[in-house]
């Protein structure tokens, strides 16, 4: 781990001392996600309501500059057709850490929910998008959201690493996931308030390490 990456990790607990109870699990999340990126994989995220917004937020931080200026892939830039548009494009493309929010695909999710089973909509997407070596993150304040549980089952069956962000109570996602960050709160909005600095730190650490 780079020194700057460690500083980001340590600062999280200076700013939010209550999260110290999750310190080992947060570090394990980082290590799982970093291995995924080192091996050329991607991160897939889902959640409901505010946690759906968190899923989108995580993907936004991973797929473009967050705290650091990221250089775009040199091979990609070199392979662009030599034209005026490419010269402009080279100035704006940024490096990314591949990530997909499973809450984003409106036509797919509404069609599948209408035709089949709403609670299996994330599982359906993972069955097509998830690959061994990827990481799946389920965000659920209760830890028992059925659509997240179903998705976790499919992720495990396909060989993905599984991470859950929940509240402090034991839950079905805690039982299923490789690692669960159980933040020290029980009310939904308080749990969500703790989730945000956790995933911000993880995204900043991954950016620091890879760029």
N, C-alpha and C. Protein backbone atom coordinates (compact mmCIF):
# COMPACT_ATOMS: atom_id res chain seq x y z
N UNK A 1 0.84 -1.19 0.00
CA UNK A 1 0.00 0.00 0.00
C UNK A 1 0.88 1.25 0.00
N UNK A 2 0.59 2.18 -0.90
CA UNK A 2 1.33 3.43 -0.94
C UNK A 2 1.10 4.24 0.33
N UNK A 3 2.05 5.11 0.65
CA UNK A 3 1.94 5.93 1.85
C UNK A 3 0.70 6.80 1.80
N UNK A 4 0.40 7.40 0.64
CA UNK A 4 -0.77 8.25 0.54
C UNK A 4 -2.06 7.46 0.73
N UNK A 5 -2.07 6.23 0.24
CA UNK A 5 -3.24 5.37 0.41
C UNK A 5 -3.49 5.11 1.90
N UNK A 6 -2.41 4.84 2.62
CA UNK A 6 -2.53 4.59 4.06
C UNK A 6 -3.00 5.85 4.80
N UNK A 7 -2.54 7.01 4.35
CA UNK A 7 -2.96 8.26 4.99
C UNK A 7 -4.47 8.47 4.83
N UNK A 8 -5.00 8.13 3.65
CA UNK A 8 -6.44 8.25 3.42
C UNK A 8 -7.20 7.32 4.37
N UNK A 9 -6.70 6.09 4.50
CA UNK A 9 -7.32 5.11 5.39
C UNK A 9 -7.31 5.60 6.83
N UNK A 10 -6.16 6.07 7.29
CA UNK A 10 -6.05 6.52 8.68
C UNK A 10 -6.91 7.74 8.96
N UNK A 11 -7.01 8.63 7.98
CA UNK A 11 -7.80 9.85 8.16
C UNK A 11 -9.29 9.54 8.36
N UNK A 12 -9.77 8.46 7.73
CA UNK A 12 -11.17 8.08 7.89
C UNK A 12 -11.52 7.93 9.37
N UNK A 13 -10.66 7.31 10.14
CA UNK A 13 -10.96 7.02 11.55
C UNK A 13 -10.65 8.21 12.45
N UNK A 14 -9.81 9.12 11.97
CA UNK A 14 -9.61 10.38 12.69
C UNK A 14 -10.86 11.24 12.59
N UNK A 15 -11.48 11.24 11.41
CA UNK A 15 -12.67 12.06 11.18
C UNK A 15 -13.93 11.40 11.73
N UNK A 16 -13.97 10.06 11.70
CA UNK A 16 -15.15 9.31 12.15
C UNK A 16 -14.70 8.22 13.11
N UNK A 17 -14.37 8.58 14.36
CA UNK A 17 -13.83 7.59 15.31
C UNK A 17 -14.76 6.40 15.53
N UNK A 18 -16.07 6.60 15.41
CA UNK A 18 -17.01 5.51 15.65
C UNK A 18 -16.82 4.37 14.65
N UNK A 19 -16.24 4.68 13.50
CA UNK A 19 -16.04 3.64 12.47
C UNK A 19 -14.84 2.74 12.78
N UNK A 20 -14.13 3.02 13.84
CA UNK A 20 -12.99 2.18 14.21
C UNK A 20 -13.41 0.73 14.41
N UNK A 21 -14.65 0.50 14.83
CA UNK A 21 -15.12 -0.88 15.04
C UNK A 21 -15.17 -1.66 13.72
N UNK A 22 -15.17 -0.94 12.59
CA UNK A 22 -15.21 -1.58 11.27
C UNK A 22 -13.86 -1.57 10.57
N UNK A 23 -12.82 -1.17 11.27
CA UNK A 23 -11.53 -0.90 10.62
C UNK A 23 -11.00 -2.10 9.84
N UNK A 24 -11.02 -3.26 10.44
CA UNK A 24 -10.49 -4.46 9.78
C UNK A 24 -11.30 -4.80 8.54
N UNK A 25 -12.62 -4.67 8.64
CA UNK A 25 -13.49 -5.01 7.51
C UNK A 25 -13.31 -4.02 6.35
N UNK A 26 -13.14 -2.74 6.68
CA UNK A 26 -12.94 -1.74 5.63
C UNK A 26 -11.62 -2.00 4.90
N UNK A 27 -10.59 -2.33 5.66
CA UNK A 27 -9.31 -2.66 5.03
C UNK A 27 -9.45 -3.89 4.14
N UNK A 28 -10.21 -4.87 4.59
CA UNK A 28 -10.41 -6.07 3.78
C UNK A 28 -11.17 -5.74 2.50
N UNK A 29 -12.15 -4.85 2.59
CA UNK A 29 -12.86 -4.41 1.39
C UNK A 29 -11.89 -3.81 0.38
N UNK A 30 -11.03 -2.93 0.88
CA UNK A 30 -10.04 -2.31 -0.01
C UNK A 30 -9.17 -3.38 -0.68
N UNK A 31 -8.70 -4.33 0.10
CA UNK A 31 -7.81 -5.36 -0.44
C UNK A 31 -8.52 -6.21 -1.50
N UNK A 32 -9.79 -6.53 -1.27
CA UNK A 32 -10.56 -7.30 -2.25
C UNK A 32 -10.73 -6.51 -3.54
N UNK A 33 -11.11 -5.24 -3.42
CA UNK A 33 -11.34 -4.41 -4.60
C UNK A 33 -10.04 -4.15 -5.35
N UNK A 34 -8.96 -3.94 -4.62
CA UNK A 34 -7.68 -3.71 -5.27
C UNK A 34 -7.23 -4.94 -6.05
N UNK A 35 -7.41 -6.12 -5.48
CA UNK A 35 -7.06 -7.34 -6.20
C UNK A 35 -7.90 -7.47 -7.47
N UNK A 36 -9.17 -7.12 -7.37
CA UNK A 36 -10.03 -7.16 -8.56
C UNK A 36 -9.46 -6.28 -9.67
N UNK A 37 -9.06 -5.07 -9.33
CA UNK A 37 -8.53 -4.17 -10.34
C UNK A 37 -7.16 -4.62 -10.85
N UNK A 38 -6.35 -5.16 -9.98
CA UNK A 38 -5.04 -5.67 -10.42
C UNK A 38 -5.20 -6.80 -11.42
N UNK A 39 -6.29 -7.55 -11.29
CA UNK A 39 -6.51 -8.72 -12.16
C UNK A 39 -7.38 -8.38 -13.37
N UNK A 40 -7.68 -7.09 -13.57
CA UNK A 40 -8.44 -6.67 -14.73
C UNK A 40 -9.94 -6.82 -14.60
N UNK A 41 -10.44 -6.94 -13.37
CA UNK A 41 -11.87 -7.10 -13.15
C UNK A 41 -12.59 -5.78 -12.94
N UNK A 42 -13.84 -5.89 -12.54
CA UNK A 42 -14.68 -4.72 -12.34
C UNK A 42 -15.47 -4.86 -11.04
N UNK A 43 -16.09 -3.77 -10.61
CA UNK A 43 -16.92 -3.74 -9.41
C UNK A 43 -18.37 -3.52 -9.83
N UNK A 44 -19.28 -4.30 -9.28
CA UNK A 44 -20.71 -4.15 -9.54
C UNK A 44 -21.40 -3.84 -8.22
N UNK A 45 -22.31 -2.85 -8.23
CA UNK A 45 -22.89 -2.35 -6.98
C UNK A 45 -24.40 -2.26 -7.11
N UNK A 46 -25.11 -2.53 -6.00
CA UNK A 46 -26.56 -2.33 -6.01
C UNK A 46 -27.05 -1.94 -4.62
N UNK A 47 -28.26 -1.41 -4.60
CA UNK A 47 -28.92 -1.03 -3.35
C UNK A 47 -30.29 -0.47 -3.68
N UNK A 48 -31.05 -0.13 -2.67
CA UNK A 48 -32.41 0.37 -2.84
C UNK A 48 -32.55 1.76 -2.21
N UNK A 49 -33.38 2.61 -2.81
CA UNK A 49 -33.63 3.93 -2.24
C UNK A 49 -32.36 4.74 -2.12
N UNK A 50 -32.06 5.21 -0.91
CA UNK A 50 -30.83 5.96 -0.69
C UNK A 50 -29.59 5.14 -1.02
N UNK A 51 -29.68 3.85 -0.81
CA UNK A 51 -28.55 2.97 -1.13
C UNK A 51 -28.38 2.80 -2.64
N UNK A 52 -29.46 2.96 -3.40
CA UNK A 52 -29.34 2.98 -4.86
C UNK A 52 -28.56 4.23 -5.28
N UNK A 53 -28.86 5.35 -4.62
CA UNK A 53 -28.10 6.58 -4.90
C UNK A 53 -26.63 6.39 -4.52
N UNK A 54 -26.38 5.69 -3.42
CA UNK A 54 -24.99 5.41 -3.03
C UNK A 54 -24.30 4.54 -4.08
N UNK A 55 -25.03 3.60 -4.67
CA UNK A 55 -24.46 2.76 -5.72
C UNK A 55 -24.00 3.61 -6.90
N UNK A 56 -24.84 4.55 -7.30
CA UNK A 56 -24.48 5.45 -8.39
C UNK A 56 -23.29 6.32 -8.00
N UNK A 57 -23.29 6.76 -6.76
CA UNK A 57 -22.23 7.63 -6.26
C UNK A 57 -20.87 6.92 -6.31
N UNK A 58 -20.84 5.68 -5.86
CA UNK A 58 -19.60 4.90 -5.88
C UNK A 58 -19.07 4.77 -7.31
N UNK A 59 -19.95 4.43 -8.23
CA UNK A 59 -19.53 4.27 -9.63
C UNK A 59 -19.01 5.59 -10.19
N UNK A 60 -19.64 6.69 -9.82
CA UNK A 60 -19.17 8.00 -10.27
C UNK A 60 -17.76 8.30 -9.80
N UNK A 61 -17.44 7.93 -8.57
CA UNK A 61 -16.10 8.20 -8.04
C UNK A 61 -15.06 7.28 -8.66
N UNK A 62 -15.45 6.06 -9.03
CA UNK A 62 -14.49 5.10 -9.58
C UNK A 62 -14.21 5.33 -11.07
N UNK A 63 -15.19 5.81 -11.80
CA UNK A 63 -15.09 5.84 -13.25
C UNK A 63 -14.50 7.13 -13.83
N UNK A 64 -14.16 8.09 -12.97
CA UNK A 64 -13.55 9.34 -13.43
C UNK A 64 -12.67 9.90 -12.32
N UNK A 65 -12.02 11.03 -12.61
CA UNK A 65 -11.22 11.68 -11.56
C UNK A 65 -12.03 11.89 -10.30
N UNK A 66 -11.45 11.58 -9.16
CA UNK A 66 -12.07 11.83 -7.86
C UNK A 66 -11.24 12.89 -7.13
N UNK A 67 -10.16 12.48 -6.50
CA UNK A 67 -9.26 13.42 -5.83
C UNK A 67 -7.99 13.68 -6.63
N UNK A 68 -7.71 12.83 -7.60
CA UNK A 68 -6.45 12.87 -8.32
C UNK A 68 -6.70 12.97 -9.82
N UNK A 69 -5.81 13.67 -10.52
CA UNK A 69 -5.89 13.72 -11.98
C UNK A 69 -5.42 12.37 -12.53
N UNK A 70 -6.26 11.68 -13.23
CA UNK A 70 -5.95 10.34 -13.76
C UNK A 70 -5.64 10.42 -15.25
N UNK A 71 -4.51 9.90 -15.65
CA UNK A 71 -4.18 9.85 -17.06
C UNK A 71 -4.96 8.72 -17.73
N UNK A 72 -5.47 9.01 -18.91
CA UNK A 72 -6.18 7.98 -19.67
C UNK A 72 -5.20 6.90 -20.12
N UNK A 73 -5.74 5.74 -20.45
CA UNK A 73 -4.94 4.61 -20.88
C UNK A 73 -4.14 4.97 -22.13
N UNK A 74 -2.81 4.82 -22.04
CA UNK A 74 -1.94 5.23 -23.14
C UNK A 74 -2.18 4.41 -24.40
N UNK A 75 -2.46 3.12 -24.24
CA UNK A 75 -2.72 2.28 -25.40
C UNK A 75 -3.99 2.73 -26.13
N UNK A 76 -5.02 3.06 -25.35
CA UNK A 76 -6.25 3.56 -25.96
C UNK A 76 -5.98 4.83 -26.75
N UNK A 77 -5.27 5.77 -26.14
CA UNK A 77 -4.99 7.03 -26.82
C UNK A 77 -4.19 6.81 -28.10
N UNK A 78 -3.23 5.90 -28.03
CA UNK A 78 -2.39 5.62 -29.20
C UNK A 78 -3.18 4.99 -30.33
N UNK A 79 -4.22 4.26 -30.00
CA UNK A 79 -5.00 3.54 -31.00
C UNK A 79 -6.15 4.35 -31.59
N UNK A 80 -6.38 5.55 -31.06
CA UNK A 80 -7.43 6.39 -31.62
C UNK A 80 -7.07 6.80 -33.05
N UNK A 81 -8.06 6.84 -33.90
CA UNK A 81 -7.84 7.28 -35.28
C UNK A 81 -7.26 8.70 -35.30
N UNK A 82 -6.33 8.94 -36.17
CA UNK A 82 -5.68 10.25 -36.24
C UNK A 82 -6.59 11.23 -36.97
N UNK A 83 -7.35 11.99 -36.21
CA UNK A 83 -8.27 12.96 -36.78
C UNK A 83 -8.47 14.11 -35.80
N UNK A 84 -9.15 15.14 -36.22
CA UNK A 84 -9.35 16.32 -35.38
C UNK A 84 -10.13 15.99 -34.12
N UNK A 85 -11.15 15.14 -34.27
CA UNK A 85 -11.96 14.79 -33.09
C UNK A 85 -11.13 14.04 -32.05
N UNK A 86 -10.24 13.17 -32.51
CA UNK A 86 -9.39 12.41 -31.59
C UNK A 86 -8.46 13.32 -30.81
N UNK A 87 -7.96 14.35 -31.46
CA UNK A 87 -7.06 15.28 -30.77
C UNK A 87 -7.80 15.98 -29.62
N UNK A 88 -9.06 16.34 -29.86
CA UNK A 88 -9.85 16.95 -28.79
C UNK A 88 -10.17 15.93 -27.71
N UNK A 89 -10.48 14.70 -28.14
CA UNK A 89 -10.84 13.64 -27.20
C UNK A 89 -9.68 13.31 -26.26
N UNK A 90 -8.49 13.29 -26.80
CA UNK A 90 -7.30 12.96 -25.98
C UNK A 90 -7.12 13.93 -24.82
N UNK A 91 -7.63 15.15 -24.97
CA UNK A 91 -7.47 16.16 -23.93
C UNK A 91 -8.45 15.99 -22.77
N UNK A 92 -9.51 15.21 -22.98
CA UNK A 92 -10.55 15.14 -21.95
C UNK A 92 -10.75 13.74 -21.35
N UNK A 93 -10.28 12.70 -22.03
CA UNK A 93 -10.45 11.36 -21.47
C UNK A 93 -9.64 11.22 -20.18
N UNK A 94 -10.22 10.51 -19.21
CA UNK A 94 -9.57 10.27 -17.92
C UNK A 94 -9.43 8.77 -17.69
N UNK A 95 -8.52 8.41 -16.80
CA UNK A 95 -8.40 7.02 -16.39
C UNK A 95 -9.59 6.62 -15.54
N UNK A 96 -9.89 5.32 -15.53
CA UNK A 96 -11.04 4.87 -14.73
C UNK A 96 -10.76 3.53 -14.07
N UNK A 97 -11.58 3.25 -13.08
CA UNK A 97 -11.62 1.96 -12.40
C UNK A 97 -12.98 1.36 -12.73
N UNK A 98 -13.04 0.33 -13.57
CA UNK A 98 -14.32 -0.15 -14.11
C UNK A 98 -15.34 -0.52 -13.04
N UNK A 99 -16.52 0.05 -13.16
CA UNK A 99 -17.59 -0.18 -12.17
C UNK A 99 -18.94 0.01 -12.84
N UNK A 100 -19.92 -0.76 -12.38
CA UNK A 100 -21.28 -0.71 -12.92
C UNK A 100 -22.27 -0.66 -11.76
N UNK A 101 -23.21 0.28 -11.83
CA UNK A 101 -24.32 0.30 -10.88
C UNK A 101 -25.49 -0.48 -11.47
N UNK A 102 -25.93 -1.50 -10.76
CA UNK A 102 -27.03 -2.34 -11.24
C UNK A 102 -28.38 -1.64 -11.10
N UNK A 103 -28.39 -0.46 -10.51
CA UNK A 103 -29.64 0.30 -10.36
C UNK A 103 -29.92 1.18 -11.58
N UNK A 104 -29.01 1.22 -12.56
CA UNK A 104 -29.05 2.23 -13.62
C UNK A 104 -29.85 1.84 -14.85
N UNK A 105 -30.11 0.55 -15.06
CA UNK A 105 -30.60 0.09 -16.36
C UNK A 105 -32.13 0.03 -16.36
N UNK A 106 -32.74 1.18 -16.61
CA UNK A 106 -34.18 1.36 -16.40
C UNK A 106 -35.02 0.45 -17.28
N UNK A 107 -34.72 0.39 -18.56
CA UNK A 107 -35.54 -0.44 -19.46
C UNK A 107 -35.43 -1.91 -19.08
N UNK A 108 -34.20 -2.36 -18.81
CA UNK A 108 -33.99 -3.76 -18.41
C UNK A 108 -34.70 -4.07 -17.10
N UNK A 109 -34.50 -3.23 -16.11
CA UNK A 109 -35.04 -3.56 -14.78
C UNK A 109 -36.57 -3.51 -14.76
N UNK A 110 -37.15 -2.55 -15.47
CA UNK A 110 -38.62 -2.49 -15.47
C UNK A 110 -39.21 -3.64 -16.29
N UNK A 111 -38.56 -3.99 -17.40
CA UNK A 111 -39.06 -5.10 -18.21
C UNK A 111 -38.98 -6.41 -17.43
N UNK A 112 -37.85 -6.66 -16.81
CA UNK A 112 -37.69 -7.91 -16.06
C UNK A 112 -38.63 -7.95 -14.86
N UNK A 113 -38.76 -6.81 -14.16
CA UNK A 113 -39.64 -6.76 -12.99
C UNK A 113 -41.09 -7.01 -13.39
N UNK A 114 -41.48 -6.49 -14.54
CA UNK A 114 -42.85 -6.67 -15.00
C UNK A 114 -43.10 -8.09 -15.50
N UNK A 115 -42.12 -8.65 -16.20
CA UNK A 115 -42.31 -9.96 -16.83
C UNK A 115 -42.04 -11.13 -15.90
N UNK A 116 -41.12 -10.94 -14.96
CA UNK A 116 -40.66 -12.06 -14.15
C UNK A 116 -40.84 -11.81 -12.66
N UNK A 117 -39.79 -11.26 -12.01
CA UNK A 117 -39.80 -11.16 -10.55
C UNK A 117 -38.98 -9.95 -10.11
N UNK A 118 -39.63 -8.91 -9.59
CA UNK A 118 -38.90 -7.69 -9.21
C UNK A 118 -37.73 -7.94 -8.26
N UNK A 119 -37.87 -8.84 -7.33
CA UNK A 119 -36.82 -9.04 -6.34
C UNK A 119 -35.60 -9.76 -6.89
N UNK A 120 -35.68 -10.26 -8.11
CA UNK A 120 -34.54 -10.94 -8.73
C UNK A 120 -33.85 -10.08 -9.78
N UNK A 121 -34.18 -8.80 -9.84
CA UNK A 121 -33.70 -7.96 -10.93
C UNK A 121 -32.19 -7.75 -10.87
N UNK A 122 -31.61 -7.62 -9.69
CA UNK A 122 -30.15 -7.47 -9.60
C UNK A 122 -29.46 -8.81 -9.89
N UNK A 123 -30.07 -9.88 -9.43
CA UNK A 123 -29.51 -11.21 -9.69
C UNK A 123 -29.48 -11.49 -11.19
N UNK A 124 -30.53 -11.09 -11.89
CA UNK A 124 -30.58 -11.28 -13.34
C UNK A 124 -29.42 -10.56 -14.02
N UNK A 125 -29.16 -9.34 -13.61
CA UNK A 125 -28.07 -8.57 -14.21
C UNK A 125 -26.71 -9.20 -13.90
N UNK A 126 -26.54 -9.64 -12.67
CA UNK A 126 -25.27 -10.26 -12.30
C UNK A 126 -25.04 -11.56 -13.06
N UNK A 127 -26.12 -12.27 -13.38
CA UNK A 127 -25.96 -13.52 -14.12
C UNK A 127 -25.35 -13.27 -15.49
N UNK A 128 -25.56 -12.07 -16.04
CA UNK A 128 -25.01 -11.74 -17.35
C UNK A 128 -23.73 -10.93 -17.30
N UNK A 129 -23.61 -10.05 -16.30
CA UNK A 129 -22.48 -9.13 -16.24
C UNK A 129 -21.34 -9.60 -15.35
N UNK A 130 -21.63 -10.37 -14.33
CA UNK A 130 -20.61 -10.76 -13.37
C UNK A 130 -19.68 -11.82 -13.91
N UNK A 131 -18.40 -11.67 -13.63
CA UNK A 131 -17.39 -12.64 -14.04
C UNK A 131 -16.51 -12.99 -12.84
N UNK A 132 -15.99 -14.21 -12.83
CA UNK A 132 -15.08 -14.60 -11.77
C UNK A 132 -13.94 -13.60 -11.68
N UNK A 133 -13.64 -13.17 -10.48
CA UNK A 133 -12.61 -12.16 -10.27
C UNK A 133 -13.16 -10.76 -10.06
N UNK A 134 -14.44 -10.53 -10.44
CA UNK A 134 -15.09 -9.25 -10.16
C UNK A 134 -15.44 -9.17 -8.68
N UNK A 135 -15.81 -7.99 -8.25
CA UNK A 135 -16.30 -7.77 -6.88
C UNK A 135 -17.73 -7.25 -6.94
N UNK A 136 -18.60 -7.83 -6.12
CA UNK A 136 -19.99 -7.38 -5.99
C UNK A 136 -20.16 -6.71 -4.63
N UNK A 137 -20.77 -5.52 -4.63
CA UNK A 137 -21.06 -4.79 -3.40
C UNK A 137 -22.57 -4.62 -3.27
N UNK A 138 -23.14 -5.11 -2.17
CA UNK A 138 -24.55 -4.91 -1.86
C UNK A 138 -24.65 -3.91 -0.71
N UNK A 139 -25.44 -2.86 -0.92
CA UNK A 139 -25.64 -1.84 0.11
C UNK A 139 -27.07 -1.97 0.62
N UNK A 140 -27.22 -2.30 1.89
CA UNK A 140 -28.54 -2.52 2.47
C UNK A 140 -28.48 -2.15 3.94
N UNK A 141 -29.24 -1.15 4.35
CA UNK A 141 -29.18 -0.73 5.75
C UNK A 141 -29.65 -1.84 6.69
N UNK A 142 -30.60 -2.64 6.24
CA UNK A 142 -31.08 -3.77 7.07
C UNK A 142 -30.19 -4.99 6.91
N UNK A 143 -29.57 -5.10 5.74
CA UNK A 143 -28.79 -6.30 5.43
C UNK A 143 -29.66 -7.46 4.98
N UNK A 144 -30.95 -7.22 4.84
CA UNK A 144 -31.88 -8.29 4.49
C UNK A 144 -32.69 -8.01 3.23
N UNK A 145 -32.35 -6.97 2.48
CA UNK A 145 -33.10 -6.66 1.25
C UNK A 145 -33.04 -7.85 0.32
N UNK A 146 -34.20 -8.38 -0.05
CA UNK A 146 -34.24 -9.65 -0.78
C UNK A 146 -33.55 -9.55 -2.13
N UNK A 147 -33.71 -8.41 -2.83
CA UNK A 147 -33.07 -8.30 -4.13
C UNK A 147 -31.54 -8.30 -4.01
N UNK A 148 -31.02 -7.75 -2.91
CA UNK A 148 -29.58 -7.79 -2.67
C UNK A 148 -29.12 -9.19 -2.26
N UNK A 149 -29.93 -9.87 -1.48
CA UNK A 149 -29.61 -11.25 -1.07
C UNK A 149 -29.57 -12.16 -2.29
N UNK A 150 -30.57 -12.06 -3.16
CA UNK A 150 -30.59 -12.86 -4.38
C UNK A 150 -29.34 -12.58 -5.23
N UNK A 151 -29.00 -11.30 -5.35
CA UNK A 151 -27.83 -10.93 -6.14
C UNK A 151 -26.56 -11.50 -5.54
N UNK A 152 -26.47 -11.49 -4.23
CA UNK A 152 -25.29 -12.03 -3.56
C UNK A 152 -25.16 -13.53 -3.82
N UNK A 153 -26.27 -14.23 -3.83
CA UNK A 153 -26.24 -15.67 -4.12
C UNK A 153 -25.71 -15.94 -5.53
N UNK A 154 -26.17 -15.15 -6.51
CA UNK A 154 -25.69 -15.32 -7.88
C UNK A 154 -24.21 -14.95 -7.98
N UNK A 155 -23.82 -13.87 -7.30
CA UNK A 155 -22.41 -13.46 -7.32
C UNK A 155 -21.51 -14.57 -6.80
N UNK A 156 -21.90 -15.18 -5.70
CA UNK A 156 -21.10 -16.26 -5.13
C UNK A 156 -21.05 -17.46 -6.07
N UNK A 157 -22.18 -17.76 -6.70
CA UNK A 157 -22.24 -18.90 -7.61
C UNK A 157 -21.34 -18.69 -8.83
N UNK A 158 -21.13 -17.42 -9.20
CA UNK A 158 -20.30 -17.12 -10.37
C UNK A 158 -18.84 -16.86 -10.01
N UNK A 159 -18.50 -16.94 -8.72
CA UNK A 159 -17.11 -16.79 -8.31
C UNK A 159 -16.67 -15.37 -8.05
N UNK A 160 -17.62 -14.45 -7.85
CA UNK A 160 -17.26 -13.08 -7.50
C UNK A 160 -16.97 -12.98 -6.01
N UNK A 161 -16.13 -12.03 -5.63
CA UNK A 161 -15.98 -11.67 -4.23
C UNK A 161 -17.17 -10.81 -3.83
N UNK A 162 -17.67 -10.98 -2.61
CA UNK A 162 -18.89 -10.30 -2.19
C UNK A 162 -18.65 -9.44 -0.96
N UNK A 163 -19.12 -8.21 -1.03
CA UNK A 163 -19.00 -7.23 0.05
C UNK A 163 -20.39 -6.70 0.36
N UNK A 164 -20.69 -6.50 1.64
CA UNK A 164 -21.95 -5.87 2.05
C UNK A 164 -21.67 -4.68 2.94
N UNK A 165 -22.44 -3.61 2.74
CA UNK A 165 -22.47 -2.47 3.65
C UNK A 165 -23.83 -2.49 4.33
N UNK A 166 -23.85 -2.63 5.65
CA UNK A 166 -25.10 -2.73 6.40
C UNK A 166 -25.02 -1.89 7.66
N UNK A 167 -26.08 -1.99 8.49
CA UNK A 167 -26.03 -1.46 9.84
C UNK A 167 -25.41 -2.48 10.77
N UNK A 168 -25.47 -2.20 12.07
CA UNK A 168 -24.72 -3.02 13.02
C UNK A 168 -25.38 -4.36 13.35
N UNK A 169 -26.64 -4.55 12.97
CA UNK A 169 -27.30 -5.81 13.27
C UNK A 169 -26.81 -6.93 12.35
N UNK A 170 -26.80 -8.14 12.87
CA UNK A 170 -26.53 -9.30 12.02
C UNK A 170 -27.64 -9.42 10.98
N UNK A 171 -27.33 -10.00 9.85
CA UNK A 171 -28.29 -10.02 8.74
C UNK A 171 -27.97 -11.17 7.81
N UNK A 172 -28.85 -11.36 6.83
CA UNK A 172 -28.62 -12.40 5.83
C UNK A 172 -27.39 -12.07 4.97
N UNK A 173 -27.21 -10.80 4.62
CA UNK A 173 -26.03 -10.42 3.84
C UNK A 173 -24.75 -10.66 4.63
N UNK A 174 -24.80 -10.46 5.92
CA UNK A 174 -23.64 -10.74 6.77
C UNK A 174 -23.29 -12.22 6.71
N UNK A 175 -24.30 -13.06 6.68
CA UNK A 175 -24.07 -14.50 6.61
C UNK A 175 -23.48 -14.91 5.25
N UNK A 176 -23.89 -14.24 4.19
CA UNK A 176 -23.52 -14.64 2.84
C UNK A 176 -22.21 -14.03 2.34
N UNK A 177 -21.91 -12.81 2.74
CA UNK A 177 -20.84 -12.05 2.10
C UNK A 177 -19.46 -12.45 2.61
N UNK A 178 -18.46 -12.25 1.75
CA UNK A 178 -17.08 -12.49 2.17
C UNK A 178 -16.66 -11.52 3.26
N UNK A 179 -17.11 -10.28 3.16
CA UNK A 179 -16.84 -9.30 4.21
C UNK A 179 -18.03 -8.34 4.29
N UNK A 180 -18.38 -7.98 5.51
CA UNK A 180 -19.50 -7.05 5.75
C UNK A 180 -19.03 -5.90 6.63
N UNK A 181 -19.24 -4.69 6.15
CA UNK A 181 -18.98 -3.50 6.94
C UNK A 181 -20.27 -3.16 7.67
N UNK A 182 -20.33 -3.50 8.95
CA UNK A 182 -21.51 -3.24 9.78
C UNK A 182 -21.28 -1.95 10.55
N UNK A 183 -21.73 -0.83 9.98
CA UNK A 183 -21.46 0.45 10.63
C UNK A 183 -22.26 0.55 11.92
N UNK A 184 -21.75 1.32 12.91
CA UNK A 184 -22.35 1.33 14.25
C UNK A 184 -23.60 2.20 14.35
N UNK A 185 -24.66 1.78 13.71
CA UNK A 185 -25.93 2.50 13.77
C UNK A 185 -27.05 1.53 13.43
N UNK A 186 -28.28 1.92 13.84
CA UNK A 186 -29.45 1.06 13.58
C UNK A 186 -30.53 1.77 12.80
N UNK A 187 -30.60 3.09 12.88
CA UNK A 187 -31.60 3.83 12.12
C UNK A 187 -31.10 4.03 10.69
N UNK A 188 -32.02 3.91 9.73
CA UNK A 188 -31.64 3.92 8.32
C UNK A 188 -30.79 5.13 7.95
N UNK A 189 -31.24 6.34 8.30
CA UNK A 189 -30.51 7.52 7.85
C UNK A 189 -29.14 7.61 8.51
N UNK A 190 -29.01 7.13 9.73
CA UNK A 190 -27.71 7.16 10.41
C UNK A 190 -26.75 6.14 9.78
N UNK A 191 -27.29 4.99 9.41
CA UNK A 191 -26.47 3.98 8.72
C UNK A 191 -25.95 4.57 7.41
N UNK A 192 -26.83 5.21 6.66
CA UNK A 192 -26.44 5.80 5.38
C UNK A 192 -25.40 6.89 5.56
N UNK A 193 -25.51 7.65 6.64
CA UNK A 193 -24.52 8.70 6.90
C UNK A 193 -23.14 8.13 7.13
N UNK A 194 -23.06 6.94 7.69
CA UNK A 194 -21.76 6.28 7.88
C UNK A 194 -21.27 5.59 6.61
N UNK A 195 -22.19 5.10 5.81
CA UNK A 195 -21.77 4.44 4.57
C UNK A 195 -20.99 5.38 3.66
N UNK A 196 -21.43 6.63 3.58
CA UNK A 196 -20.80 7.57 2.65
C UNK A 196 -19.31 7.77 2.92
N UNK A 197 -18.87 8.10 4.13
CA UNK A 197 -17.42 8.25 4.32
C UNK A 197 -16.65 6.96 4.12
N UNK A 198 -17.28 5.82 4.36
CA UNK A 198 -16.60 4.54 4.13
C UNK A 198 -16.31 4.37 2.65
N UNK A 199 -17.32 4.54 1.80
CA UNK A 199 -17.05 4.29 0.37
C UNK A 199 -16.26 5.42 -0.25
N UNK A 200 -16.37 6.65 0.28
CA UNK A 200 -15.49 7.71 -0.21
C UNK A 200 -14.03 7.36 0.06
N UNK A 201 -13.75 6.87 1.25
CA UNK A 201 -12.38 6.49 1.58
C UNK A 201 -11.90 5.36 0.69
N UNK A 202 -12.73 4.35 0.47
CA UNK A 202 -12.34 3.23 -0.38
C UNK A 202 -12.05 3.69 -1.80
N UNK A 203 -12.90 4.55 -2.35
CA UNK A 203 -12.68 5.05 -3.71
C UNK A 203 -11.39 5.88 -3.78
N UNK A 204 -11.16 6.71 -2.77
CA UNK A 204 -9.94 7.51 -2.76
C UNK A 204 -8.71 6.65 -2.62
N UNK A 205 -8.78 5.60 -1.81
CA UNK A 205 -7.65 4.67 -1.65
C UNK A 205 -7.33 3.95 -2.95
N UNK A 206 -8.36 3.49 -3.62
CA UNK A 206 -8.16 2.78 -4.88
C UNK A 206 -7.58 3.70 -5.95
N UNK A 207 -8.06 4.93 -5.99
CA UNK A 207 -7.51 5.90 -6.92
C UNK A 207 -6.05 6.18 -6.62
N UNK A 208 -5.74 6.39 -5.35
CA UNK A 208 -4.37 6.64 -4.94
C UNK A 208 -3.45 5.51 -5.34
N UNK A 209 -3.90 4.29 -5.14
CA UNK A 209 -3.06 3.13 -5.39
C UNK A 209 -2.85 2.87 -6.89
N UNK A 210 -3.83 3.20 -7.69
CA UNK A 210 -3.78 2.85 -9.11
C UNK A 210 -3.40 4.00 -10.03
N UNK A 211 -3.42 5.23 -9.52
CA UNK A 211 -3.05 6.36 -10.35
C UNK A 211 -2.01 7.24 -9.68
